[in-house]
């Protein structure tokens, strides 16, 4: 079974790194990625707090919701960053930055 995504879909934008490592993908996070991560985390903390039925469970429920939100937000930001590096999402900023750093 071929798990290479490029085998089934061709990138629509310039490819910067076909298989970006974790550190390069995280270093490529932009402001919108951090905003999404923060928003998802904040909403999850709020939902976790409000879902605590009894006052004694609101704290642990809020922490659990926050952890889920941080992980979900990070994965969403990571997916967007990796997609830009692999050419599956619009990546004008990345192309300009990597062209400048090569010369």
PDB file of N, CA and C in Angstrom:
ATOM      1  N   UNK A   1       0.846  -1.179   0.000  1.00  0.00           N
ATOM      2  CA  UNK A   1       0.000   0.000   0.000  1.00  0.00           C
ATOM      3  C   UNK A   1       0.892   1.243   0.000  1.00  0.00           C
ATOM      4  N   UNK A   2       0.659   2.119  -0.936  1.00  0.00           N
ATOM      5  CA  UNK A   2       1.455   3.334  -1.049  1.00  0.00           C
ATOM      6  C   UNK A   2       0.823   4.433  -0.199  1.00  0.00           C
ATOM      7  N   UNK A   3       1.551   4.921   0.789  1.00  0.00           N
ATOM      8  CA  UNK A   3       1.021   5.964   1.667  1.00  0.00           C
ATOM      9  C   UNK A   3       1.515   7.351   1.285  1.00  0.00           C
ATOM     10  N   UNK A   4       2.247   7.472   0.204  1.00  0.00           N
ATOM     11  CA  UNK A   4       2.765   8.760  -0.252  1.00  0.00           C
ATOM     12  C   UNK A   4       1.636   9.576  -0.859  1.00  0.00           C
ATOM     13  N   UNK A   5       1.298  10.707  -0.241  1.00  0.00           N
ATOM     14  CA  UNK A   5       0.179  11.522  -0.701  1.00  0.00           C
ATOM     15  C   UNK A   5       0.410  12.063  -2.106  1.00  0.00           C
ATOM     16  N   UNK A   6       1.652  12.269  -2.480  1.00  0.00           N
ATOM     17  CA  UNK A   6       1.919  12.822  -3.798  1.00  0.00           C
ATOM     18  C   UNK A   6       1.630  11.815  -4.902  1.00  0.00           C
ATOM     19  N   UNK A   7       1.457  10.548  -4.545  1.00  0.00           N
ATOM     20  CA  UNK A   7       1.128   9.548  -5.549  1.00  0.00           C
ATOM     21  C   UNK A   7      -0.301   9.729  -6.048  1.00  0.00           C
ATOM     22  N   UNK A   8      -1.184  10.240  -5.213  1.00  0.00           N
ATOM     23  CA  UNK A   8      -2.583  10.396  -5.606  1.00  0.00           C
ATOM     24  C   UNK A   8      -2.942  11.837  -5.951  1.00  0.00           C
ATOM     25  N   UNK A   9      -2.194  12.795  -5.477  1.00  0.00           N
ATOM     26  CA  UNK A   9      -2.498  14.206  -5.743  1.00  0.00           C
ATOM     27  C   UNK A   9      -1.207  14.945  -6.061  1.00  0.00           C
ATOM     28  N   UNK A  10      -1.265  15.746  -7.089  1.00  0.00           N
ATOM     29  CA  UNK A  10      -0.101  16.537  -7.471  1.00  0.00           C
ATOM     30  C   UNK A  10      -0.206  17.927  -6.861  1.00  0.00           C
ATOM     31  N   UNK A  11       0.893  18.473  -6.354  1.00  0.00           N
ATOM     32  CA  UNK A  11       0.864  19.810  -5.760  1.00  0.00           C
ATOM     33  C   UNK A  11       0.487  20.867  -6.802  1.00  0.00           C
ATOM     34  N   UNK A  12      -0.351  21.810  -6.372  1.00  0.00           N
ATOM     35  CA  UNK A  12      -0.771  22.898  -7.260  1.00  0.00           C
ATOM     36  C   UNK A  12       0.170  24.095  -7.182  1.00  0.00           C
ATOM     37  N   UNK A  13       0.979  24.153  -6.146  1.00  0.00           N
ATOM     38  CA  UNK A  13       1.856  25.298  -5.901  1.00  0.00           C
ATOM     39  C   UNK A  13       3.305  24.820  -5.883  1.00  0.00           C
ATOM     40  N   UNK A  14       4.277  25.750  -5.917  1.00  0.00           N
ATOM     41  CA  UNK A  14       5.686  25.331  -5.903  1.00  0.00           C
ATOM     42  C   UNK A  14       6.027  24.507  -4.661  1.00  0.00           C
ATOM     43  N   UNK A  15       6.774  23.439  -4.861  1.00  0.00           N
ATOM     44  CA  UNK A  15       7.184  22.554  -3.760  1.00  0.00           C
ATOM     45  C   UNK A  15       8.482  23.085  -3.174  1.00  0.00           C
ATOM     46  N   UNK A  16       8.483  23.332  -1.877  1.00  0.00           N
ATOM     47  CA  UNK A  16       9.685  23.787  -1.182  1.00  0.00           C
ATOM     48  C   UNK A  16      10.416  22.591  -0.590  1.00  0.00           C
ATOM     49  N   UNK A  17       9.661  21.678   0.014  1.00  0.00           N
ATOM     50  CA  UNK A  17      10.231  20.467   0.597  1.00  0.00           C
ATOM     51  C   UNK A  17       9.189  19.362   0.459  1.00  0.00           C
ATOM     52  N   UNK A  18       9.510  18.339  -0.280  1.00  0.00           N
ATOM     53  CA  UNK A  18       8.544  17.265  -0.531  1.00  0.00           C
ATOM     54  C   UNK A  18       8.187  16.499   0.737  1.00  0.00           C
ATOM     55  N   UNK A  19       9.136  16.361   1.637  1.00  0.00           N
ATOM     56  CA  UNK A  19       8.916  15.636   2.889  1.00  0.00           C
ATOM     57  C   UNK A  19       9.549  16.432   4.031  1.00  0.00           C
ATOM     58  N   UNK A  20       8.894  17.515   4.480  1.00  0.00           N
ATOM     59  CA  UNK A  20       9.526  18.387   5.487  1.00  0.00           C
ATOM     60  C   UNK A  20       9.630  17.721   6.858  1.00  0.00           C
ATOM     61  N   UNK A  21      10.777  17.865   7.518  1.00  0.00           N
ATOM     62  CA  UNK A  21      10.914  17.320   8.873  1.00  0.00           C
ATOM     63  C   UNK A  21      10.109  18.144   9.881  1.00  0.00           C
ATOM     64  N   UNK A  22       9.917  17.563  11.055  1.00  0.00           N
ATOM     65  CA  UNK A  22       9.121  18.192  12.109  1.00  0.00           C
ATOM     66  C   UNK A  22       9.624  19.594  12.436  1.00  0.00           C
ATOM     67  N   UNK A  23      10.923  19.746  12.625  1.00  0.00           N
ATOM     68  CA  UNK A  23      11.467  21.044  13.035  1.00  0.00           C
ATOM     69  C   UNK A  23      11.257  22.114  11.967  1.00  0.00           C
ATOM     70  N   UNK A  24      11.419  21.753  10.706  1.00  0.00           N
ATOM     71  CA  UNK A  24      11.218  22.709   9.624  1.00  0.00           C
ATOM     72  C   UNK A  24       9.747  23.105   9.512  1.00  0.00           C
ATOM     73  N   UNK A  25       8.851  22.149   9.726  1.00  0.00           N
ATOM     74  CA  UNK A  25       7.418  22.429   9.643  1.00  0.00           C
ATOM     75  C   UNK A  25       6.982  23.360  10.764  1.00  0.00           C
ATOM     76  N   UNK A  26       7.455  23.122  11.968  1.00  0.00           N
ATOM     77  CA  UNK A  26       7.088  23.988  13.101  1.00  0.00           C
ATOM     78  C   UNK A  26       7.730  25.366  12.932  1.00  0.00           C
ATOM     79  N   UNK A  27       8.949  25.424  12.441  1.00  0.00           N
ATOM     80  CA  UNK A  27       9.604  26.712  12.221  1.00  0.00           C
ATOM     81  C   UNK A  27       8.895  27.524  11.138  1.00  0.00           C
ATOM     82  N   UNK A  28       8.134  26.865  10.286  1.00  0.00           N
ATOM     83  CA  UNK A  28       7.423  27.523   9.201  1.00  0.00           C
ATOM     84  C   UNK A  28       6.046  28.063   9.623  1.00  0.00           C
ATOM     85  N   UNK A  29       5.644  27.851  10.870  1.00  0.00           N
ATOM     86  CA  UNK A  29       4.352  28.384  11.336  1.00  0.00           C
ATOM     87  C   UNK A  29       4.320  29.889  11.089  1.00  0.00           C
ATOM     88  N   UNK A  30       3.198  30.386  10.591  1.00  0.00           N
ATOM     89  CA  UNK A  30       3.051  31.824  10.403  1.00  0.00           C
ATOM     90  C   UNK A  30       2.065  32.372  11.433  1.00  0.00           C
ATOM     91  N   UNK A  31       1.785  33.656  11.345  1.00  0.00           N
ATOM     92  CA  UNK A  31       0.913  34.307  12.330  1.00  0.00           C
ATOM     93  C   UNK A  31      -0.471  33.685  12.346  1.00  0.00           C
ATOM     94  N   UNK A  32      -0.996  33.358  11.184  1.00  0.00           N
ATOM     95  CA  UNK A  32      -2.323  32.766  11.114  1.00  0.00           C
ATOM     96  C   UNK A  32      -2.346  31.391  11.777  1.00  0.00           C
ATOM     97  N   UNK A  33      -1.280  30.629  11.646  1.00  0.00           N
ATOM     98  CA  UNK A  33      -1.202  29.324  12.309  1.00  0.00           C
ATOM     99  C   UNK A  33      -1.256  29.491  13.833  1.00  0.00           C
ATOM    100  N   UNK A  34      -0.481  30.444  14.350  1.00  0.00           N
ATOM    101  CA  UNK A  34      -0.500  30.680  15.796  1.00  0.00           C
ATOM    102  C   UNK A  34      -1.848  31.227  16.257  1.00  0.00           C
ATOM    103  N   UNK A  35      -2.479  32.043  15.440  1.00  0.00           N
ATOM    104  CA  UNK A  35      -3.806  32.563  15.778  1.00  0.00           C
ATOM    105  C   UNK A  35      -4.826  31.431  15.839  1.00  0.00           C
ATOM    106  N   UNK A  36      -4.772  30.534  14.877  1.00  0.00           N
ATOM    107  CA  UNK A  36      -5.691  29.383  14.886  1.00  0.00           C
ATOM    108  C   UNK A  36      -5.455  28.510  16.104  1.00  0.00           C
ATOM    109  N   UNK A  37      -4.187  28.232  16.417  1.00  0.00           N
ATOM    110  CA  UNK A  37      -3.856  27.422  17.583  1.00  0.00           C
ATOM    111  C   UNK A  37      -4.407  28.066  18.855  1.00  0.00           C
ATOM    112  N   UNK A  38      -4.205  29.366  19.001  1.00  0.00           N
ATOM    113  CA  UNK A  38      -4.679  30.082  20.191  1.00  0.00           C
ATOM    114  C   UNK A  38      -6.203  30.100  20.271  1.00  0.00           C
ATOM    115  N   UNK A  39      -6.858  30.308  19.139  1.00  0.00           N
ATOM    116  CA  UNK A  39      -8.317  30.371  19.126  1.00  0.00           C
ATOM    117  C   UNK A  39      -8.923  29.018  19.478  1.00  0.00           C
ATOM    118  N   UNK A  40      -8.422  27.967  18.866  1.00  0.00           N
ATOM    119  CA  UNK A  40      -8.944  26.632  19.166  1.00  0.00           C
ATOM    120  C   UNK A  40      -8.704  26.286  20.625  1.00  0.00           C
ATOM    121  N   UNK A  41      -7.540  26.627  21.156  1.00  0.00           N
ATOM    122  CA  UNK A  41      -7.242  26.355  22.568  1.00  0.00           C
ATOM    123  C   UNK A  41      -8.165  27.135  23.485  1.00  0.00           C
ATOM    124  N   UNK A  42      -8.358  28.423  23.191  1.00  0.00           N
ATOM    125  CA  UNK A  42      -9.226  29.250  24.031  1.00  0.00           C
ATOM    126  C   UNK A  42     -10.669  28.773  24.038  1.00  0.00           C
ATOM    127  N   UNK A  43     -11.161  28.405  22.885  1.00  0.00           N
ATOM    128  CA  UNK A  43     -12.536  27.898  22.807  1.00  0.00           C
ATOM    129  C   UNK A  43     -12.657  26.586  23.575  1.00  0.00           C
ATOM    130  N   UNK A  44     -11.661  25.732  23.466  1.00  0.00           N
ATOM    131  CA  UNK A  44     -11.700  24.447  24.160  1.00  0.00           C
ATOM    132  C   UNK A  44     -11.669  24.608  25.675  1.00  0.00           C
ATOM    133  N   UNK A  45     -10.880  25.563  26.168  1.00  0.00           N
ATOM    134  CA  UNK A  45     -10.853  25.825  27.612  1.00  0.00           C
ATOM    135  C   UNK A  45     -12.233  26.285  28.080  1.00  0.00           C
ATOM    136  N   UNK A  46     -12.841  27.185  27.318  1.00  0.00           N
ATOM    137  CA  UNK A  46     -14.167  27.698  27.678  1.00  0.00           C
ATOM    138  C   UNK A  46     -15.212  26.589  27.661  1.00  0.00           C
ATOM    139  N   UNK A  47     -15.208  25.789  26.604  1.00  0.00           N
ATOM    140  CA  UNK A  47     -16.167  24.685  26.511  1.00  0.00           C
ATOM    141  C   UNK A  47     -15.929  23.687  27.641  1.00  0.00           C
ATOM    142  N   UNK A  48     -14.680  23.400  27.944  1.00  0.00           N
ATOM    143  CA  UNK A  48     -14.374  22.497  29.048  1.00  0.00           C
ATOM    144  C   UNK A  48     -14.894  23.021  30.372  1.00  0.00           C
ATOM    145  N   UNK A  49     -14.733  24.311  30.616  1.00  0.00           N
ATOM    146  CA  UNK A  49     -15.228  24.907  31.863  1.00  0.00           C
ATOM    147  C   UNK A  49     -16.751  24.838  31.924  1.00  0.00           C
ATOM    148  N   UNK A  50     -17.392  25.207  30.828  1.00  0.00           N
ATOM    149  CA  UNK A  50     -18.858  25.227  30.823  1.00  0.00           C
ATOM    150  C   UNK A  50     -19.469  23.831  30.850  1.00  0.00           C
ATOM    151  N   UNK A  51     -18.727  22.830  30.409  1.00  0.00           N
ATOM    152  CA  UNK A  51     -19.272  21.477  30.423  1.00  0.00           C
ATOM    153  C   UNK A  51     -19.153  20.813  31.797  1.00  0.00           C
ATOM    154  N   UNK A  52     -18.421  21.432  32.701  1.00  0.00           N
ATOM    155  CA  UNK A  52     -18.350  20.912  34.062  1.00  0.00           C
ATOM    156  C   UNK A  52     -19.669  21.149  34.776  1.00  0.00           C
ATOM    157  N   UNK A  53     -20.417  20.086  35.019  1.00  0.00           N
ATOM    158  CA  UNK A  53     -21.767  20.214  35.572  1.00  0.00           C
ATOM    159  C   UNK A  53     -21.722  20.690  37.022  1.00  0.00           C
ATOM    160  N   UNK A  54     -20.843  20.105  37.806  1.00  0.00           N
ATOM    161  CA  UNK A  54     -20.732  20.487  39.213  1.00  0.00           C
ATOM    162  C   UNK A  54     -19.537  21.422  39.379  1.00  0.00           C
ATOM    163  N   UNK A  55     -19.620  22.361  40.300  1.00  0.00           N
ATOM    164  CA  UNK A  55     -18.508  23.303  40.500  1.00  0.00           C
ATOM    165  C   UNK A  55     -17.167  22.617  40.789  1.00  0.00           C
ATOM    166  N   UNK A  56     -17.163  21.489  41.456  1.00  0.00           N
ATOM    167  CA  UNK A  56     -15.917  20.800  41.790  1.00  0.00           C
ATOM    168  C   UNK A  56     -15.234  20.157  40.597  1.00  0.00           C
ATOM    169  N   UNK A  57     -15.956  19.975  39.531  1.00  0.00           N
ATOM    170  CA  UNK A  57     -15.364  19.312  38.369  1.00  0.00           C
ATOM    171  C   UNK A  57     -15.031  20.296  37.250  1.00  0.00           C
ATOM    172  N   UNK A  58     -15.382  21.546  37.416  1.00  0.00           N
ATOM    173  CA  UNK A  58     -15.124  22.536  36.360  1.00  0.00           C
ATOM    174  C   UNK A  58     -13.641  22.732  36.084  1.00  0.00           C
ATOM    175  N   UNK A  59     -12.834  22.735  37.120  1.00  0.00           N
ATOM    176  CA  UNK A  59     -11.388  22.918  36.943  1.00  0.00           C
ATOM    177  C   UNK A  59     -10.766  21.802  36.123  1.00  0.00           C
ATOM    178  N   UNK A  60     -10.935  20.547  36.558  1.00  0.00           N
ATOM    179  CA  UNK A  60     -10.375  19.450  35.770  1.00  0.00           C
ATOM    180  C   UNK A  60     -10.955  19.370  34.352  1.00  0.00           C
ATOM    181  N   UNK A  61     -12.229  19.683  34.223  1.00  0.00           N
ATOM    182  CA  UNK A  61     -12.865  19.674  32.911  1.00  0.00           C
ATOM    183  C   UNK A  61     -12.259  20.758  32.019  1.00  0.00           C
ATOM    184  N   UNK A  62     -11.968  21.912  32.596  1.00  0.00           N
ATOM    185  CA  UNK A  62     -11.363  23.009  31.848  1.00  0.00           C
ATOM    186  C   UNK A  62      -9.942  22.636  31.393  1.00  0.00           C
ATOM    187  N   UNK A  63      -9.171  22.025  32.269  1.00  0.00           N
ATOM    188  CA  UNK A  63      -7.805  21.613  31.926  1.00  0.00           C
ATOM    189  C   UNK A  63      -7.828  20.567  30.815  1.00  0.00           C
ATOM    190  N   UNK A  64      -8.726  19.598  30.932  1.00  0.00           N
ATOM    191  CA  UNK A  64      -8.844  18.562  29.903  1.00  0.00           C
ATOM    192  C   UNK A  64      -9.231  19.173  28.562  1.00  0.00           C
ATOM    193  N   UNK A  65     -10.213  20.055  28.585  1.00  0.00           N
ATOM    194  CA  UNK A  65     -10.609  20.741  27.352  1.00  0.00           C
ATOM    195  C   UNK A  65      -9.463  21.552  26.767  1.00  0.00           C
ATOM    196  N   UNK A  66      -8.698  22.213  27.620  1.00  0.00           N
ATOM    197  CA  UNK A  66      -7.555  22.989  27.165  1.00  0.00           C
ATOM    198  C   UNK A  66      -6.483  22.127  26.523  1.00  0.00           C
ATOM    199  N   UNK A  67      -6.189  20.983  27.127  1.00  0.00           N
ATOM    200  CA  UNK A  67      -5.192  20.075  26.548  1.00  0.00           C
ATOM    201  C   UNK A  67      -5.638  19.536  25.192  1.00  0.00           C
ATOM    202  N   UNK A  68      -6.916  19.192  25.103  1.00  0.00           N
ATOM    203  CA  UNK A  68      -7.447  18.726  23.823  1.00  0.00           C
ATOM    204  C   UNK A  68      -7.357  19.845  22.784  1.00  0.00           C
ATOM    205  N   UNK A  69      -7.673  21.061  23.184  1.00  0.00           N
ATOM    206  CA  UNK A  69      -7.621  22.195  22.270  1.00  0.00           C
ATOM    207  C   UNK A  69      -6.216  22.516  21.805  1.00  0.00           C
ATOM    208  N   UNK A  70      -5.252  22.463  22.711  1.00  0.00           N
ATOM    209  CA  UNK A  70      -3.858  22.732  22.340  1.00  0.00           C
ATOM    210  C   UNK A  70      -3.369  21.680  21.338  1.00  0.00           C
ATOM    211  N   UNK A  71      -3.680  20.424  21.602  1.00  0.00           N
ATOM    212  CA  UNK A  71      -3.249  19.368  20.679  1.00  0.00           C
ATOM    213  C   UNK A  71      -3.947  19.510  19.323  1.00  0.00           C
ATOM    214  N   UNK A  72      -5.247  19.751  19.340  1.00  0.00           N
ATOM    215  CA  UNK A  72      -5.977  19.920  18.083  1.00  0.00           C
ATOM    216  C   UNK A  72      -5.506  21.139  17.312  1.00  0.00           C
ATOM    217  N   UNK A  73      -5.300  22.251  18.007  1.00  0.00           N
ATOM    218  CA  UNK A  73      -4.818  23.465  17.363  1.00  0.00           C
ATOM    219  C   UNK A  73      -3.430  23.290  16.781  1.00  0.00           C
ATOM    220  N   UNK A  74      -2.563  22.602  17.513  1.00  0.00           N
ATOM    221  CA  UNK A  74      -1.214  22.355  17.016  1.00  0.00           C
ATOM    222  C   UNK A  74      -1.244  21.475  15.772  1.00  0.00           C
ATOM    223  N   UNK A  75      -2.070  20.437  15.802  1.00  0.00           N
ATOM    224  CA  UNK A  75      -2.137  19.545  14.642  1.00  0.00           C
ATOM    225  C   UNK A  75      -2.687  20.266  13.415  1.00  0.00           C
ATOM    226  N   UNK A  76      -3.653  21.151  13.623  1.00  0.00           N
ATOM    227  CA  UNK A  76      -4.211  21.918  12.507  1.00  0.00           C
ATOM    228  C   UNK A  76      -3.168  22.873  11.932  1.00  0.00           C
ATOM    229  N   UNK A  77      -2.441  23.563  12.798  1.00  0.00           N
ATOM    230  CA  UNK A  77      -1.382  24.469  12.344  1.00  0.00           C
ATOM    231  C   UNK A  77      -0.277  23.692  11.642  1.00  0.00           C
ATOM    232  N   UNK A  78       0.088  22.540  12.174  1.00  0.00           N
ATOM    233  CA  UNK A  78       1.129  21.699  11.577  1.00  0.00           C
ATOM    234  C   UNK A  78       0.716  21.231  10.183  1.00  0.00           C
ATOM    235  N   UNK A  79      -0.542  20.820  10.052  1.00  0.00           N
ATOM    236  CA  UNK A  79      -1.056  20.366   8.760  1.00  0.00           C
ATOM    237  C   UNK A  79      -0.985  21.492   7.723  1.00  0.00           C
ATOM    238  N   UNK A  80      -1.371  22.698   8.112  1.00  0.00           N
ATOM    239  CA  UNK A  80      -1.322  23.831   7.189  1.00  0.00           C
ATOM    240  C   UNK A  80       0.113  24.179   6.807  1.00  0.00           C
ATOM    241  N   UNK A  81       1.008  24.181   7.773  1.00  0.00           N
ATOM    242  CA  UNK A  81       2.403  24.504   7.505  1.00  0.00           C
ATOM    243  C   UNK A  81       3.042  23.467   6.578  1.00  0.00           C
ATOM    244  N   UNK A  82       2.826  22.200   6.871  1.00  0.00           N
ATOM    245  CA  UNK A  82       3.377  21.142   6.028  1.00  0.00           C
ATOM    246  C   UNK A  82       2.776  21.199   4.627  1.00  0.00           C
ATOM    247  N   UNK A  83       1.497  21.491   4.529  1.00  0.00           N
ATOM    248  CA  UNK A  83       0.848  21.606   3.228  1.00  0.00           C
ATOM    249  C   UNK A  83       1.432  22.726   2.385  1.00  0.00           C
ATOM    250  N   UNK A  84       1.776  23.837   3.029  1.00  0.00           N
ATOM    251  CA  UNK A  84       2.410  24.938   2.294  1.00  0.00           C
ATOM    252  C   UNK A  84       3.803  24.543   1.816  1.00  0.00           C
ATOM    253  N   UNK A  85       4.561  23.871   2.662  1.00  0.00           N
ATOM    254  CA  UNK A  85       5.914  23.453   2.270  1.00  0.00           C
ATOM    255  C   UNK A  85       5.889  22.416   1.148  1.00  0.00           C
ATOM    256  N   UNK A  86       4.882  21.551   1.160  1.00  0.00           N
ATOM    257  CA  UNK A  86       4.795  20.511   0.136  1.00  0.00           C
ATOM    258  C   UNK A  86       4.075  20.976  -1.124  1.00  0.00           C
ATOM    259  N   UNK A  87       3.553  22.209  -1.121  1.00  0.00           N
ATOM    260  CA  UNK A  87       2.934  22.760  -2.311  1.00  0.00           C
ATOM    261  C   UNK A  87       1.463  22.455  -2.473  1.00  0.00           C
ATOM    262  N   UNK A  88       0.796  21.996  -1.437  1.00  0.00           N
ATOM    263  CA  UNK A  88      -0.625  21.680  -1.532  1.00  0.00           C
ATOM    264  C   UNK A  88      -1.523  22.856  -1.140  1.00  0.00           C
ATOM    265  N   UNK A  89      -0.967  23.845  -0.471  1.00  0.00           N
ATOM    266  CA  UNK A  89      -1.704  25.051  -0.079  1.00  0.00           C
ATOM    267  C   UNK A  89      -0.961  26.264  -0.628  1.00  0.00           C
ATOM    268  N   UNK A  90      -1.649  27.385  -0.808  1.00  0.00           N
ATOM    269  CA  UNK A  90      -0.962  28.597  -1.294  1.00  0.00           C
ATOM    270  C   UNK A  90       0.248  28.919  -0.418  1.00  0.00           C
ATOM    271  N   UNK A  91       1.390  29.198  -1.062  1.00  0.00           N
ATOM    272  CA  UNK A  91       2.634  29.367  -0.304  1.00  0.00           C
ATOM    273  C   UNK A  91       3.518  30.488  -0.844  1.00  0.00           C
ATOM    274  N   UNK A  92       2.911  31.600  -1.235  1.00  0.00           N
ATOM    275  CA  UNK A  92       3.688  32.711  -1.785  1.00  0.00           C
ATOM    276  C   UNK A  92       4.753  33.205  -0.807  1.00  0.00           C
ATOM    277  N   UNK A  93       4.411  33.328   0.463  1.00  0.00           N
ATOM    278  CA  UNK A  93       5.363  33.800   1.469  1.00  0.00           C
ATOM    279  C   UNK A  93       6.541  32.862   1.632  1.00  0.00           C
ATOM    280  N   UNK A  94       6.274  31.572   1.663  1.00  0.00           N
ATOM    281  CA  UNK A  94       7.341  30.591   1.820  1.00  0.00           C
ATOM    282  C   UNK A  94       8.260  30.579   0.595  1.00  0.00           C
ATOM    283  N   UNK A  95       7.668  30.648  -0.601  1.00  0.00           N
ATOM    284  CA  UNK A  95       8.473  30.644  -1.824  1.00  0.00           C
ATOM    285  C   UNK A  95       9.415  31.847  -1.844  1.00  0.00           C
ATOM    286  N   UNK A  96       8.883  33.024  -1.505  1.00  0.00           N
ATOM    287  CA  UNK A  96       9.712  34.243  -1.489  1.00  0.00           C
ATOM    288  C   UNK A  96      10.826  34.126  -0.445  1.00  0.00           C
ATOM    289  N   UNK A  97      10.500  33.607   0.729  1.00  0.00           N
ATOM    290  CA  UNK A  97      11.495  33.492   1.802  1.00  0.00           C
ATOM    291  C   UNK A  97      12.594  32.486   1.437  1.00  0.00           C
ATOM    292  N   UNK A  98      12.227  31.346   0.870  1.00  0.00           N
ATOM    293  CA  UNK A  98      13.227  30.336   0.539  1.00  0.00           C
ATOM    294  C   UNK A  98      14.053  30.716  -0.695  1.00  0.00           C
ATOM    295  N   UNK A  99      13.473  31.454  -1.624  1.00  0.00           N
ATOM    296  CA  UNK A  99      14.260  31.950  -2.764  1.00  0.00           C
ATOM    297  C   UNK A  99      15.290  32.953  -2.287  1.00  0.00           C
ATOM    298  N   UNK A 100      14.881  33.822  -1.349  1.00  0.00           N
ATOM    299  CA  UNK A 100      15.795  34.839  -0.816  1.00  0.00           C
ATOM    300  C   UNK A 100      16.936  34.193  -0.033  1.00  0.00           C
ATOM    301  N   UNK A 101      16.643  33.139   0.720  1.00  0.00           N
ATOM    302  CA  UNK A 101      17.681  32.507   1.543  1.00  0.00           C
ATOM    303  C   UNK A 101      18.670  31.678   0.713  1.00  0.00           C
ATOM    304  N   UNK A 102      18.273  31.267  -0.490  1.00  0.00           N
ATOM    305  CA  UNK A 102      19.180  30.476  -1.336  1.00  0.00           C
ATOM    306  C   UNK A 102      20.201  31.348  -2.070  1.00  0.00           C
ATOM    307  N   UNK A 103      19.901  32.635  -2.224  1.00  0.00           N
ATOM    308  CA  UNK A 103      20.810  33.516  -2.976  1.00  0.00           C
ATOM    309  C   UNK A 103      21.552  34.456  -2.085  1.00  0.00           C
TER     310      UNK A 103
END
